[in-house]
Amino acid sequence: MTTVSANREVNRNRHLLVVDDDDRIRTLLKEFLARNGFRVTAARDAHAARRLLDTLDFDLAVFDVMMPGEDGFSLARWLRGRSGTSAATPILMLTARGLPEDRIEGLSLGADDYLSKPFEPQELLLRIEAILRRANAKPTGQERLKLGRCTFDLDRAELFVGDEPVRLTEAEAQLLKQLAQSPNLAIDRMDLARDTADATGRAVDVQVTRLRRKIESDPKNPRYLQTVRGVGYMLAPD
């Protein structure tokens, strides 16, 4: 692990939590990310991670899925279910199992991204930096699309209820942005799935379900995020 990020100075104030039961991987990740400018705290299991999340603020958490005792899925569910700002901490899941079902479960629990082991350290770094850029995007003043009680800022890929931001995962934000770029036009489900963690399209279905819960007054009868049978999905703003 010798790559050094060009964004090292930008990363310097970012505090990451790495949770992995493998001592070697945990140590290597901590050293690699630290060399790229991050402050890194590591935990060997979910119990230790919970204690850290109770006392410290993190800019992003990296959770291994397969851990003895409580696994990464359960830890992600616990974090997303908390009250306060820590519940919105971005999550990157790591797993030795690359099954689509695992990726879908991680995304459905609110993970921002998913990376299968073995992976290139540079890819991990780029994914972390991409998530952090999304989480800290600055306003540009572009007009928002109105979706009933919600509005969506296309340039920032951010959803609001009034002036209050609505927490979106990286996958949710990118899917909504794809749809918002072509309002009132049906987009093929497989086109939407092309850059997702699951190219079968099932991850898209999961993200649509989650987005409807955040946008629609009646998610079972969606007004704004519509299914176009035989094609895919369409965003129909006011």
C-alpha atoms as a PDB file:
ATOM      1  CA  MET A   1       0.000   0.000   0.000  1.00  0.00           C
ATOM      2  CA  THR A   2       2.168   2.838  -1.265  1.00  0.00           C
ATOM      3  CA  THR A   3      -0.238   5.162  -3.120  1.00  0.00           C
ATOM      4  CA  VAL A   4      -0.450   8.690  -1.724  1.00  0.00           C
ATOM      5  CA  SER A   5      -3.578  10.719  -2.456  1.00  0.00           C
ATOM      6  CA  ALA A   6      -3.316  14.033  -4.255  1.00  0.00           C
ATOM      7  CA  ASN A   7      -6.002  15.220  -1.826  1.00  0.00           C
ATOM      8  CA  ARG A   8      -3.916  14.526   1.281  1.00  0.00           C
ATOM      9  CA  GLU A   9      -4.179  18.097   2.569  1.00  0.00           C
ATOM     10  CA  VAL A  10      -7.948  18.097   2.019  1.00  0.00           C
ATOM     11  CA  ASN A  11      -8.228  14.788   3.865  1.00  0.00           C
ATOM     12  CA  ARG A  12      -6.227  15.951   6.856  1.00  0.00           C
ATOM     13  CA  ASN A  13      -9.192  17.021   8.993  1.00  0.00           C
ATOM     14  CA  ARG A  14     -11.325  13.991   8.135  1.00  0.00           C
ATOM     15  CA  HIS A  15     -11.720  11.396  10.881  1.00  0.00           C
ATOM     16  CA  LEU A  16     -12.428   7.816   9.746  1.00  0.00           C
ATOM     17  CA  LEU A  17     -13.517   4.763  11.732  1.00  0.00           C
ATOM     18  CA  VAL A  18     -12.269   1.400  10.414  1.00  0.00           C
ATOM     19  CA  VAL A  19     -13.918  -1.723  11.827  1.00  0.00           C
ATOM     20  CA  ASP A  20     -12.414  -5.098  10.846  1.00  0.00           C
ATOM     21  CA  ASP A  21     -11.716  -8.209  12.908  1.00  0.00           C
ATOM     22  CA  ASP A  22      -8.619  -9.110  10.845  1.00  0.00           C
ATOM     23  CA  ASP A  23      -5.661  -7.566  12.678  1.00  0.00           C
ATOM     24  CA  ARG A  24      -3.482  -7.447   9.559  1.00  0.00           C
ATOM     25  CA  ILE A  25      -6.096  -5.793   7.329  1.00  0.00           C
ATOM     26  CA  ARG A  26      -7.103  -3.362  10.061  1.00  0.00           C
ATOM     27  CA  THR A  27      -3.497  -2.280  10.601  1.00  0.00           C
ATOM     28  CA  LEU A  28      -2.760  -1.960   6.871  1.00  0.00           C
ATOM     29  CA  LEU A  29      -5.891   0.098   6.260  1.00  0.00           C
ATOM     30  CA  LYS A  30      -5.133   2.374   9.168  1.00  0.00           C
ATOM     31  CA  GLU A  31      -1.564   2.980   7.992  1.00  0.00           C
ATOM     32  CA  PHE A  32      -2.548   3.468   4.334  1.00  0.00           C
ATOM     33  CA  LEU A  33      -5.362   5.923   5.084  1.00  0.00           C
ATOM     34  CA  ALA A  34      -3.197   7.803   7.572  1.00  0.00           C
ATOM     35  CA  ARG A  35      -0.508   8.224   4.891  1.00  0.00           C
ATOM     36  CA  ASN A  36      -3.180   9.775   2.704  1.00  0.00           C
ATOM     37  CA  GLY A  37      -3.921  12.436   5.288  1.00  0.00           C
ATOM     38  CA  PHE A  38      -6.823  10.993   7.272  1.00  0.00           C
ATOM     39  CA  ARG A  39      -7.121  10.691  11.015  1.00  0.00           C
ATOM     40  CA  VAL A  40      -8.004   7.036  11.563  1.00  0.00           C
ATOM     41  CA  THR A  41      -9.410   5.208  14.562  1.00  0.00           C
ATOM     42  CA  ALA A  42      -9.699   1.420  14.330  1.00  0.00           C
ATOM     43  CA  ALA A  43     -11.883  -1.134  16.112  1.00  0.00           C
ATOM     44  CA  ARG A  44     -11.670  -4.919  15.972  1.00  0.00           C
ATOM     45  CA  ASP A  45     -15.394  -5.655  16.402  1.00  0.00           C
ATOM     46  CA  ALA A  46     -18.845  -4.088  16.531  1.00  0.00           C
ATOM     47  CA  HIS A  47     -18.820  -3.797  20.321  1.00  0.00           C
ATOM     48  CA  ALA A  48     -15.688  -1.642  20.273  1.00  0.00           C
ATOM     49  CA  ALA A  49     -17.085   0.354  17.338  1.00  0.00           C
ATOM     50  CA  ARG A  50     -20.288   1.147  19.225  1.00  0.00           C
ATOM     51  CA  ARG A  51     -18.316   2.528  22.151  1.00  0.00           C
ATOM     52  CA  LEU A  52     -16.292   4.740  19.808  1.00  0.00           C
ATOM     53  CA  LEU A  53     -19.401   5.972  17.989  1.00  0.00           C
ATOM     54  CA  ASP A  54     -20.947   6.831  21.350  1.00  0.00           C
ATOM     55  CA  THR A  55     -18.060   9.137  22.249  1.00  0.00           C
ATOM     56  CA  LEU A  56     -16.501  10.417  19.004  1.00  0.00           C
ATOM     57  CA  ASP A  57     -17.681  12.046  15.786  1.00  0.00           C
ATOM     58  CA  PHE A  58     -16.543  10.496  12.508  1.00  0.00           C
ATOM     59  CA  ASP A  59     -16.704  11.785   8.940  1.00  0.00           C
ATOM     60  CA  LEU A  60     -17.034   8.249   7.549  1.00  0.00           C
ATOM     61  CA  ALA A  61     -17.102   4.662   8.815  1.00  0.00           C
ATOM     62  CA  VAL A  62     -15.698   1.578   7.068  1.00  0.00           C
ATOM     63  CA  PHE A  63     -17.421  -1.608   8.278  1.00  0.00           C
ATOM     64  CA  ASP A  64     -16.293  -5.146   7.499  1.00  0.00           C
ATOM     65  CA  VAL A  65     -19.360  -7.333   6.980  1.00  0.00           C
ATOM     66  CA  MET A  66     -18.096 -10.718   8.182  1.00  0.00           C
ATOM     67  CA  MET A  67     -17.087 -10.325  11.826  1.00  0.00           C
ATOM     68  CA  PRO A  68     -17.525 -12.738  14.750  1.00  0.00           C
ATOM     69  CA  GLY A  69     -20.417 -11.814  16.973  1.00  0.00           C
ATOM     70  CA  GLU A  70     -22.275  -8.837  15.573  1.00  0.00           C
ATOM     71  CA  ASP A  71     -21.681  -8.417  11.839  1.00  0.00           C
ATOM     72  CA  GLY A  72     -21.307  -5.245   9.800  1.00  0.00           C
ATOM     73  CA  PHE A  73     -24.922  -5.321   8.609  1.00  0.00           C
ATOM     74  CA  SER A  74     -26.205  -5.258  12.173  1.00  0.00           C
ATOM     75  CA  LEU A  75     -23.773  -2.474  13.061  1.00  0.00           C
ATOM     76  CA  ALA A  76     -24.932  -0.393  10.086  1.00  0.00           C
ATOM     77  CA  ARG A  77     -28.580  -0.942  11.076  1.00  0.00           C
ATOM     78  CA  TRP A  78     -27.806   0.209  14.631  1.00  0.00           C
ATOM     79  CA  LEU A  79     -25.994   3.332  13.421  1.00  0.00           C
ATOM     80  CA  ARG A  80     -28.766   4.342  11.005  1.00  0.00           C
ATOM     81  CA  GLY A  81     -31.344   3.822  13.756  1.00  0.00           C
ATOM     82  CA  ARG A  82     -29.693   6.253  16.181  1.00  0.00           C
ATOM     83  CA  SER A  83     -30.887   9.751  16.912  1.00  0.00           C
ATOM     84  CA  GLY A  84     -28.680  12.792  16.354  1.00  0.00           C
ATOM     85  CA  THR A  85     -26.077  13.607  13.735  1.00  0.00           C
ATOM     86  CA  SER A  86     -24.103  10.371  14.091  1.00  0.00           C
ATOM     87  CA  ALA A  87     -26.948   8.484  12.368  1.00  0.00           C
ATOM     88  CA  ALA A  88     -26.018  10.279   9.125  1.00  0.00           C
ATOM     89  CA  THR A  89     -22.368   9.170   9.215  1.00  0.00           C
ATOM     90  CA  PRO A  90     -21.505   7.834   5.724  1.00  0.00           C
ATOM     91  CA  ILE A  91     -20.827   4.083   5.650  1.00  0.00           C
ATOM     92  CA  LEU A  92     -18.621   2.072   3.290  1.00  0.00           C
ATOM     93  CA  MET A  93     -19.089  -1.697   3.623  1.00  0.00           C
ATOM     94  CA  LEU A  94     -16.273  -4.210   3.005  1.00  0.00           C
ATOM     95  CA  THR A  95     -16.899  -7.894   2.439  1.00  0.00           C
ATOM     96  CA  ALA A  96     -15.162 -11.040   1.263  1.00  0.00           C
ATOM     97  CA  ARG A  97     -18.498 -12.170  -0.214  1.00  0.00           C
ATOM     98  CA  GLY A  98     -19.344 -10.467  -3.503  1.00  0.00           C
ATOM     99  CA  LEU A  99     -22.886 -11.834  -3.823  1.00  0.00           C
ATOM    100  CA  PRO A 100     -25.497  -9.413  -5.187  1.00  0.00           C
ATOM    101  CA  GLU A 101     -27.737 -10.250  -2.211  1.00  0.00           C
ATOM    102  CA  ASP A 102     -25.052  -8.998   0.173  1.00  0.00           C
ATOM    103  CA  ARG A 103     -24.620  -5.737  -1.747  1.00  0.00           C
ATOM    104  CA  ILE A 104     -28.370  -5.205  -1.833  1.00  0.00           C
ATOM    105  CA  GLU A 105     -28.688  -5.843   1.901  1.00  0.00           C
ATOM    106  CA  GLY A 106     -25.902  -3.370   2.671  1.00  0.00           C
ATOM    107  CA  LEU A 107     -27.423  -0.673   0.474  1.00  0.00           C
ATOM    108  CA  SER A 108     -30.909  -1.275   1.850  1.00  0.00           C
ATOM    109  CA  LEU A 109     -29.569  -0.681   5.358  1.00  0.00           C
ATOM    110  CA  GLY A 110     -28.319   2.759   4.296  1.00  0.00           C
ATOM    111  CA  ALA A 111     -24.718   2.072   3.327  1.00  0.00           C
ATOM    112  CA  ASP A 112     -23.290   4.659   0.930  1.00  0.00           C
ATOM    113  CA  ASP A 113     -21.077   2.240  -0.986  1.00  0.00           C
ATOM    114  CA  TYR A 114     -19.943  -1.371  -1.022  1.00  0.00           C
ATOM    115  CA  LEU A 115     -16.528  -2.822  -1.871  1.00  0.00           C
ATOM    116  CA  SER A 116     -15.680  -6.512  -2.213  1.00  0.00           C
ATOM    117  CA  LYS A 117     -12.448  -8.056  -0.924  1.00  0.00           C
ATOM    118  CA  PRO A 118      -9.819  -8.341  -2.239  1.00  0.00           C
ATOM    119  CA  PHE A 119      -9.642  -4.739  -3.408  1.00  0.00           C
ATOM    120  CA  GLU A 120      -7.017  -2.296  -4.551  1.00  0.00           C
ATOM    121  CA  PRO A 121      -6.189   0.259  -1.828  1.00  0.00           C
ATOM    122  CA  GLN A 122      -6.419   3.058  -4.402  1.00  0.00           C
ATOM    123  CA  GLU A 123     -10.003   2.061  -5.205  1.00  0.00           C
ATOM    124  CA  LEU A 124     -10.911   2.175  -1.518  1.00  0.00           C
ATOM    125  CA  LEU A 125      -9.317   5.612  -1.245  1.00  0.00           C
ATOM    126  CA  LEU A 126     -11.153   6.956  -4.293  1.00  0.00           C
ATOM    127  CA  ARG A 127     -14.487   5.644  -3.050  1.00  0.00           C
ATOM    128  CA  ILE A 128     -13.961   7.212   0.382  1.00  0.00           C
ATOM    129  CA  GLU A 129     -13.042  10.556  -1.174  1.00  0.00           C
ATOM    130  CA  ALA A 130     -16.069  10.414  -3.508  1.00  0.00           C
ATOM    131  CA  ILE A 131     -18.426   9.793  -0.574  1.00  0.00           C
ATOM    132  CA  LEU A 132     -16.891  12.645   1.397  1.00  0.00           C
ATOM    133  CA  ARG A 133     -17.167  15.027  -1.578  1.00  0.00           C
ATOM    134  CA  ARG A 134     -20.861  14.200  -1.827  1.00  0.00           C
ATOM    135  CA  ALA A 135     -21.385  14.648   1.901  1.00  0.00           C
ATOM    136  CA  ASN A 136     -19.703  18.053   1.869  1.00  0.00           C
ATOM    137  CA  ALA A 137     -20.929  19.455  -1.458  1.00  0.00           C
ATOM    138  CA  LYS A 138     -21.207  23.242  -1.486  1.00  0.00           C
ATOM    139  CA  PRO A 139     -24.314  25.057  -2.792  1.00  0.00           C
ATOM    140  CA  THR A 140     -24.203  26.544  -6.271  1.00  0.00           C
ATOM    141  CA  GLY A 141     -27.607  28.187  -6.394  1.00  0.00           C
ATOM    142  CA  GLN A 142     -29.130  26.013  -9.139  1.00  0.00           C
ATOM    143  CA  GLU A 143     -32.934  25.894  -9.176  1.00  0.00           C
ATOM    144  CA  ARG A 144     -34.517  22.982  -7.369  1.00  0.00           C
ATOM    145  CA  LEU A 145     -37.091  20.526  -8.693  1.00  0.00           C
ATOM    146  CA  LYS A 146     -40.300  20.540  -6.644  1.00  0.00           C
ATOM    147  CA  LEU A 147     -41.574  17.146  -5.501  1.00  0.00           C
ATOM    148  CA  GLY A 148     -44.576  17.957  -3.344  1.00  0.00           C
ATOM    149  CA  ARG A 149     -43.339  18.708   0.157  1.00  0.00           C
ATOM    150  CA  CYS A 150     -39.766  18.016  -1.023  1.00  0.00           C
ATOM    151  CA  THR A 151     -37.370  19.780  -3.363  1.00  0.00           C
ATOM    152  CA  PHE A 152     -34.312  18.329  -5.066  1.00  0.00           C
ATOM    153  CA  ASP A 153     -31.242  20.373  -5.944  1.00  0.00           C
ATOM    154  CA  LEU A 154     -29.958  18.717  -9.107  1.00  0.00           C
ATOM    155  CA  ASP A 155     -26.490  20.279  -9.034  1.00  0.00           C
ATOM    156  CA  ARG A 156     -25.822  19.390  -5.416  1.00  0.00           C
ATOM    157  CA  ALA A 157     -27.779  16.104  -5.539  1.00  0.00           C
ATOM    158  CA  GLU A 158     -29.462  17.067  -2.268  1.00  0.00           C
ATOM    159  CA  LEU A 159     -33.048  16.583  -1.114  1.00  0.00           C
ATOM    160  CA  PHE A 160     -34.875  19.009   1.173  1.00  0.00           C
ATOM    161  CA  VAL A 161     -38.128  19.258   3.069  1.00  0.00           C
ATOM    162  CA  GLY A 162     -38.541  23.027   3.252  1.00  0.00           C
ATOM    163  CA  ASP A 163     -35.041  24.212   4.119  1.00  0.00           C
ATOM    164  CA  GLU A 164     -34.160  21.076   6.062  1.00  0.00           C
ATOM    165  CA  PRO A 165     -31.869  18.571   4.279  1.00  0.00           C
ATOM    166  CA  VAL A 166     -33.013  14.960   3.997  1.00  0.00           C
ATOM    167  CA  ARG A 167     -30.291  12.359   4.518  1.00  0.00           C
ATOM    168  CA  LEU A 168     -29.507  10.474   1.290  1.00  0.00           C
ATOM    169  CA  THR A 169     -26.966   7.731   0.809  1.00  0.00           C
ATOM    170  CA  GLU A 170     -24.514   8.087  -2.069  1.00  0.00           C
ATOM    171  CA  ALA A 171     -26.468   5.520  -4.105  1.00  0.00           C
ATOM    172  CA  GLU A 172     -29.813   7.222  -3.448  1.00  0.00           C
ATOM    173  CA  ALA A 173     -28.456  10.650  -4.360  1.00  0.00           C
ATOM    174  CA  GLN A 174     -26.922   9.458  -7.613  1.00  0.00           C
ATOM    175  CA  LEU A 175     -30.062   7.569  -8.653  1.00  0.00           C
ATOM    176  CA  LEU A 176     -32.284  10.560  -7.921  1.00  0.00           C
ATOM    177  CA  LYS A 177     -29.903  12.807  -9.852  1.00  0.00           C
ATOM    178  CA  GLN A 178     -30.001  10.459 -12.857  1.00  0.00           C
ATOM    179  CA  LEU A 179     -33.791  10.589 -12.866  1.00  0.00           C
ATOM    180  CA  ALA A 180     -33.890  14.345 -12.264  1.00  0.00           C
ATOM    181  CA  GLN A 181     -31.683  15.007 -15.280  1.00  0.00           C
ATOM    182  CA  SER A 182     -34.518  13.730 -17.498  1.00  0.00           C
ATOM    183  CA  PRO A 183     -37.757  14.712 -15.712  1.00  0.00           C
ATOM    184  CA  ASN A 184     -41.008  13.204 -17.002  1.00  0.00           C
ATOM    185  CA  LEU A 185     -39.082  10.724 -19.163  1.00  0.00           C
ATOM    186  CA  ALA A 186     -38.960   7.005 -18.444  1.00  0.00           C
ATOM    187  CA  ILE A 187     -35.403   5.709 -17.944  1.00  0.00           C
ATOM    188  CA  ASP A 188     -34.572   2.080 -18.514  1.00  0.00           C
ATOM    189  CA  ARG A 189     -34.001   0.216 -15.254  1.00  0.00           C
ATOM    190  CA  MET A 190     -30.834  -1.417 -16.586  1.00  0.00           C
ATOM    191  CA  ASP A 191     -29.433   1.958 -17.655  1.00  0.00           C
ATOM    192  CA  LEU A 192     -29.959   3.156 -14.103  1.00  0.00           C
ATOM    193  CA  ALA A 193     -28.242   0.006 -12.796  1.00  0.00           C
ATOM    194  CA  ARG A 194     -25.169   0.269 -15.014  1.00  0.00           C
ATOM    195  CA  ASP A 195     -22.994   2.112 -12.467  1.00  0.00           C
ATOM    196  CA  THR A 196     -24.458   0.600  -9.303  1.00  0.00           C
ATOM    197  CA  ALA A 197     -23.085  -2.101  -7.007  1.00  0.00           C
ATOM    198  CA  ASP A 198     -25.520  -4.593  -8.572  1.00  0.00           C
ATOM    199  CA  ALA A 199     -25.855  -4.481 -12.357  1.00  0.00           C
ATOM    200  CA  THR A 200     -28.879  -6.847 -12.249  1.00  0.00           C
ATOM    201  CA  GLY A 201     -31.107  -3.892 -11.366  1.00  0.00           C
ATOM    202  CA  ARG A 202     -32.189  -5.164  -7.965  1.00  0.00           C
ATOM    203  CA  ALA A 203     -30.132  -2.513  -6.184  1.00  0.00           C
ATOM    204  CA  VAL A 204     -32.013   0.144  -8.174  1.00  0.00           C
ATOM    205  CA  ASP A 205     -35.322  -1.294  -6.946  1.00  0.00           C
ATOM    206  CA  VAL A 206     -34.075  -1.117  -3.359  1.00  0.00           C
ATOM    207  CA  GLN A 207     -32.992   2.525  -3.750  1.00  0.00           C
ATOM    208  CA  VAL A 208     -36.323   3.468  -5.365  1.00  0.00           C
ATOM    209  CA  THR A 209     -38.185   1.949  -2.427  1.00  0.00           C
ATOM    210  CA  ARG A 210     -36.037   3.904   0.036  1.00  0.00           C
ATOM    211  CA  LEU A 211     -36.386   7.157  -1.914  1.00  0.00           C
ATOM    212  CA  ARG A 212     -40.167   6.823  -2.056  1.00  0.00           C
ATOM    213  CA  ARG A 213     -40.273   6.604   1.734  1.00  0.00           C
ATOM    214  CA  LYS A 214     -38.447   9.946   1.866  1.00  0.00           C
ATOM    215  CA  ILE A 215     -40.298  11.745  -0.947  1.00  0.00           C
ATOM    216  CA  GLU A 216     -43.812  10.377  -1.235  1.00  0.00           C
ATOM    217  CA  SER A 217     -46.753  11.021   1.075  1.00  0.00           C
ATOM    218  CA  ASP A 218     -47.964   7.516   0.168  1.00  0.00           C
ATOM    219  CA  PRO A 219     -44.952   5.409  -0.886  1.00  0.00           C
ATOM    220  CA  LYS A 220     -47.230   2.538  -2.026  1.00  0.00           C
ATOM    221  CA  ASN A 221     -48.965   4.872  -4.478  1.00  0.00           C
ATOM    222  CA  PRO A 222     -46.119   7.097  -5.674  1.00  0.00           C
ATOM    223  CA  ARG A 223     -46.893  10.400  -7.339  1.00  0.00           C
ATOM    224  CA  TYR A 224     -43.371  11.639  -8.073  1.00  0.00           C
ATOM    225  CA  LEU A 225     -41.104   8.602  -8.389  1.00  0.00           C
ATOM    226  CA  GLN A 226     -43.157   6.471 -10.747  1.00  0.00           C
ATOM    227  CA  THR A 227     -42.734   2.966 -12.125  1.00  0.00           C
ATOM    228  CA  VAL A 228     -43.076   2.738 -15.899  1.00  0.00           C
ATOM    229  CA  ARG A 229     -43.992  -0.872 -16.562  1.00  0.00           C
ATOM    230  CA  GLY A 230     -41.756  -2.686 -18.988  1.00  0.00           C
ATOM    231  CA  VAL A 231     -39.222   0.160 -18.955  1.00  0.00           C
ATOM    232  CA  GLY A 232     -38.022   1.389 -15.578  1.00  0.00           C
ATOM    233  CA  TYR A 233     -38.639   4.533 -13.546  1.00  0.00           C
ATOM    234  CA  MET A 234     -39.540   8.185 -14.107  1.00  0.00           C
ATOM    235  CA  LEU A 235     -39.349  11.292 -11.933  1.00  0.00           C
ATOM    236  CA  ALA A 236     -42.397  13.520 -12.376  1.00  0.00           C
ATOM    237  CA  PRO A 237     -41.821  16.833 -10.556  1.00  0.00           C
ATOM    238  CA  ASP A 238     -44.575  19.447 -10.052  1.00  0.00           C
END
